[in-house]
Amino acid sequence: MKPRQVIFSPEARDDLLRLYDWLADAAGPAIAMSYVERIEAYCDGFRTAGERGTLRNEIRPGLRIIGFEMRISIAFTVDEERVNILRLFYGGRNWNDVLTE
């Protein structure tokens, strides 16, 4: 299987930046950077195995949701060439409402 390109939407990048800012204030910049880098590395793993998580077509066609370290919900779609990271939701945020808007 050909590896896919992993792309973070502008909204997902904003989610990572907000998460970094929050963690940097709470725990320090080094811990915040380490956490964000782990998220990015996890998402990069979708390059070769993108069909992960739970398919949620009832919310949005092709939408998949997967958890990361029991604190982040990652919303993404997969096609032949790309994995599109749509959003990252921290700490139980209601992703269902956001993704159906």
C-alpha atoms as a PDB file:
ATOM      1  CA  MET A   1       0.000   0.000   0.000  1.00  0.00           C
ATOM      2  CA  LYS A   2       1.253   3.450  -0.918  1.00  0.00           C
ATOM      3  CA  PRO A   3       1.696   5.789   2.073  1.00  0.00           C
ATOM      4  CA  ARG A   4      -0.792   8.640   2.288  1.00  0.00           C
ATOM      5  CA  GLN A   5       0.011  12.265   2.973  1.00  0.00           C
ATOM      6  CA  VAL A   6      -1.175  13.453   6.412  1.00  0.00           C
ATOM      7  CA  ILE A   7      -2.577  16.978   6.305  1.00  0.00           C
ATOM      8  CA  PHE A   8      -3.689  19.071   9.278  1.00  0.00           C
ATOM      9  CA  SER A   9      -6.526  21.472   8.479  1.00  0.00           C
ATOM     10  CA  PRO A  10      -6.103  25.088   9.599  1.00  0.00           C
ATOM     11  CA  GLU A  11      -8.644  24.365  12.369  1.00  0.00           C
ATOM     12  CA  ALA A  12      -6.625  21.358  13.571  1.00  0.00           C
ATOM     13  CA  ARG A  13      -3.448  23.477  13.606  1.00  0.00           C
ATOM     14  CA  ASP A  14      -5.319  26.094  15.648  1.00  0.00           C
ATOM     15  CA  ASP A  15      -6.446  23.336  18.034  1.00  0.00           C
ATOM     16  CA  LEU A  16      -2.815  22.270  18.507  1.00  0.00           C
ATOM     17  CA  LEU A  17      -1.693  25.851  19.115  1.00  0.00           C
ATOM     18  CA  ARG A  18      -4.442  26.443  21.692  1.00  0.00           C
ATOM     19  CA  LEU A  19      -3.566  23.172  23.408  1.00  0.00           C
ATOM     20  CA  TYR A  20       0.108  24.133  23.471  1.00  0.00           C
ATOM     21  CA  ASP A  21      -0.679  27.570  24.946  1.00  0.00           C
ATOM     22  CA  TRP A  22      -2.903  26.092  27.626  1.00  0.00           C
ATOM     23  CA  LEU A  23      -0.380  23.391  28.583  1.00  0.00           C
ATOM     24  CA  ALA A  24       2.559  25.809  28.504  1.00  0.00           C
ATOM     25  CA  ASP A  25       0.759  28.021  31.023  1.00  0.00           C
ATOM     26  CA  ALA A  26      -0.228  25.059  33.205  1.00  0.00           C
ATOM     27  CA  ALA A  27       2.856  22.829  33.019  1.00  0.00           C
ATOM     28  CA  GLY A  28       5.589  24.673  31.136  1.00  0.00           C
ATOM     29  CA  PRO A  29       6.707  24.990  27.509  1.00  0.00           C
ATOM     30  CA  ALA A  30       8.791  21.787  27.448  1.00  0.00           C
ATOM     31  CA  ILE A  31       5.900  19.587  28.570  1.00  0.00           C
ATOM     32  CA  ALA A  32       3.512  21.354  26.178  1.00  0.00           C
ATOM     33  CA  MET A  33       5.863  20.882  23.236  1.00  0.00           C
ATOM     34  CA  SER A  34       6.426  17.224  24.085  1.00  0.00           C
ATOM     35  CA  TYR A  35       2.685  16.569  24.207  1.00  0.00           C
ATOM     36  CA  VAL A  36       1.973  18.347  20.920  1.00  0.00           C
ATOM     37  CA  GLU A  37       4.838  16.487  19.242  1.00  0.00           C
ATOM     38  CA  ARG A  38       3.420  13.152  20.460  1.00  0.00           C
ATOM     39  CA  ILE A  39       0.040  14.041  18.961  1.00  0.00           C
ATOM     40  CA  GLU A  40       1.648  14.984  15.650  1.00  0.00           C
ATOM     41  CA  ALA A  41       3.703  11.759  15.596  1.00  0.00           C
ATOM     42  CA  TYR A  42       0.596   9.696  16.341  1.00  0.00           C
ATOM     43  CA  CYS A  43      -1.279  11.369  13.483  1.00  0.00           C
ATOM     44  CA  ASP A  44       1.706  10.872  11.182  1.00  0.00           C
ATOM     45  CA  GLY A  45       1.296   7.132  11.802  1.00  0.00           C
ATOM     46  CA  PHE A  46      -1.983   7.333   9.862  1.00  0.00           C
ATOM     47  CA  ARG A  47       0.214   7.656   6.770  1.00  0.00           C
ATOM     48  CA  THR A  48       0.395   3.866   6.469  1.00  0.00           C
ATOM     49  CA  ALA A  49      -2.718   2.827   8.381  1.00  0.00           C
ATOM     50  CA  GLY A  50      -5.358   5.512   7.999  1.00  0.00           C
ATOM     51  CA  GLU A  51      -8.461   3.369   8.362  1.00  0.00           C
ATOM     52  CA  ARG A  52      -8.400   3.555  12.164  1.00  0.00           C
ATOM     53  CA  GLY A  53     -10.893   4.719  14.699  1.00  0.00           C
ATOM     54  CA  THR A  54     -14.643   4.641  14.510  1.00  0.00           C
ATOM     55  CA  LEU A  55     -16.357   5.518  11.250  1.00  0.00           C
ATOM     56  CA  ARG A  56     -19.094   8.113  11.935  1.00  0.00           C
ATOM     57  CA  ASN A  57     -20.905   8.522   8.601  1.00  0.00           C
ATOM     58  CA  GLU A  58     -24.083   9.540  10.442  1.00  0.00           C
ATOM     59  CA  ILE A  59     -22.355  12.784  11.471  1.00  0.00           C
ATOM     60  CA  ARG A  60     -20.408  13.471   8.299  1.00  0.00           C
ATOM     61  CA  PRO A  61     -19.559  11.206   5.333  1.00  0.00           C
ATOM     62  CA  GLY A  62     -16.199   9.522   5.834  1.00  0.00           C
ATOM     63  CA  LEU A  63     -15.635  10.983   9.298  1.00  0.00           C
ATOM     64  CA  ARG A  64     -13.504   8.915  11.654  1.00  0.00           C
ATOM     65  CA  ILE A  65     -12.892   9.549  15.348  1.00  0.00           C
ATOM     66  CA  ILE A  66     -10.045   8.108  17.380  1.00  0.00           C
ATOM     67  CA  GLY A  67      -8.736   8.817  20.846  1.00  0.00           C
ATOM     68  CA  PHE A  68      -5.205   9.736  21.857  1.00  0.00           C
ATOM     69  CA  GLU A  69      -3.891   9.059  25.359  1.00  0.00           C
ATOM     70  CA  MET A  70      -7.417   9.125  26.771  1.00  0.00           C
ATOM     71  CA  ARG A  71      -7.580  12.956  26.552  1.00  0.00           C
ATOM     72  CA  ILE A  72      -7.778  13.909  22.870  1.00  0.00           C
ATOM     73  CA  SER A  73     -10.381  13.006  20.250  1.00  0.00           C
ATOM     74  CA  ILE A  74      -9.019  13.279  16.727  1.00  0.00           C
ATOM     75  CA  ALA A  75     -11.501  13.824  13.890  1.00  0.00           C
ATOM     76  CA  PHE A  76     -10.249  12.927  10.404  1.00  0.00           C
ATOM     77  CA  THR A  77     -11.121  11.624   6.959  1.00  0.00           C
ATOM     78  CA  VAL A  78      -9.206   9.267   4.672  1.00  0.00           C
ATOM     79  CA  ASP A  79      -9.084   9.061   0.900  1.00  0.00           C
ATOM     80  CA  GLU A  80      -6.764   7.278  -1.535  1.00  0.00           C
ATOM     81  CA  GLU A  81      -3.952   9.814  -1.202  1.00  0.00           C
ATOM     82  CA  ARG A  82      -4.519  11.756   2.019  1.00  0.00           C
ATOM     83  CA  VAL A  83      -5.479  11.609   5.642  1.00  0.00           C
ATOM     84  CA  ASN A  84      -7.102  14.913   6.541  1.00  0.00           C
ATOM     85  CA  ILE A  85      -6.908  15.759  10.234  1.00  0.00           C
ATOM     86  CA  LEU A  86      -9.966  17.956  10.670  1.00  0.00           C
ATOM     87  CA  ARG A  87      -9.986  18.812  14.377  1.00  0.00           C
ATOM     88  CA  LEU A  88      -8.503  17.832  17.736  1.00  0.00           C
ATOM     89  CA  PHE A  89     -10.738  18.017  20.795  1.00  0.00           C
ATOM     90  CA  TYR A  90      -9.262  18.034  24.283  1.00  0.00           C
ATOM     91  CA  GLY A  91     -10.746  16.764  27.512  1.00  0.00           C
ATOM     92  CA  GLY A  92     -14.207  15.607  26.501  1.00  0.00           C
ATOM     93  CA  ARG A  93     -15.139  18.648  24.402  1.00  0.00           C
ATOM     94  CA  ASN A  94     -18.353  18.027  22.473  1.00  0.00           C
ATOM     95  CA  TRP A  95     -16.974  17.251  19.023  1.00  0.00           C
ATOM     96  CA  ASN A  96     -20.307  15.997  17.712  1.00  0.00           C
ATOM     97  CA  ASP A  97     -21.888  19.468  17.785  1.00  0.00           C
ATOM     98  CA  VAL A  98     -18.829  21.128  16.243  1.00  0.00           C
ATOM     99  CA  LEU A  99     -18.561  18.650  13.369  1.00  0.00           C
ATOM    100  CA  THR A 100     -22.241  18.778  12.440  1.00  0.00           C
ATOM    101  CA  GLU A 101     -22.320  22.584  12.185  1.00  0.00           C
END
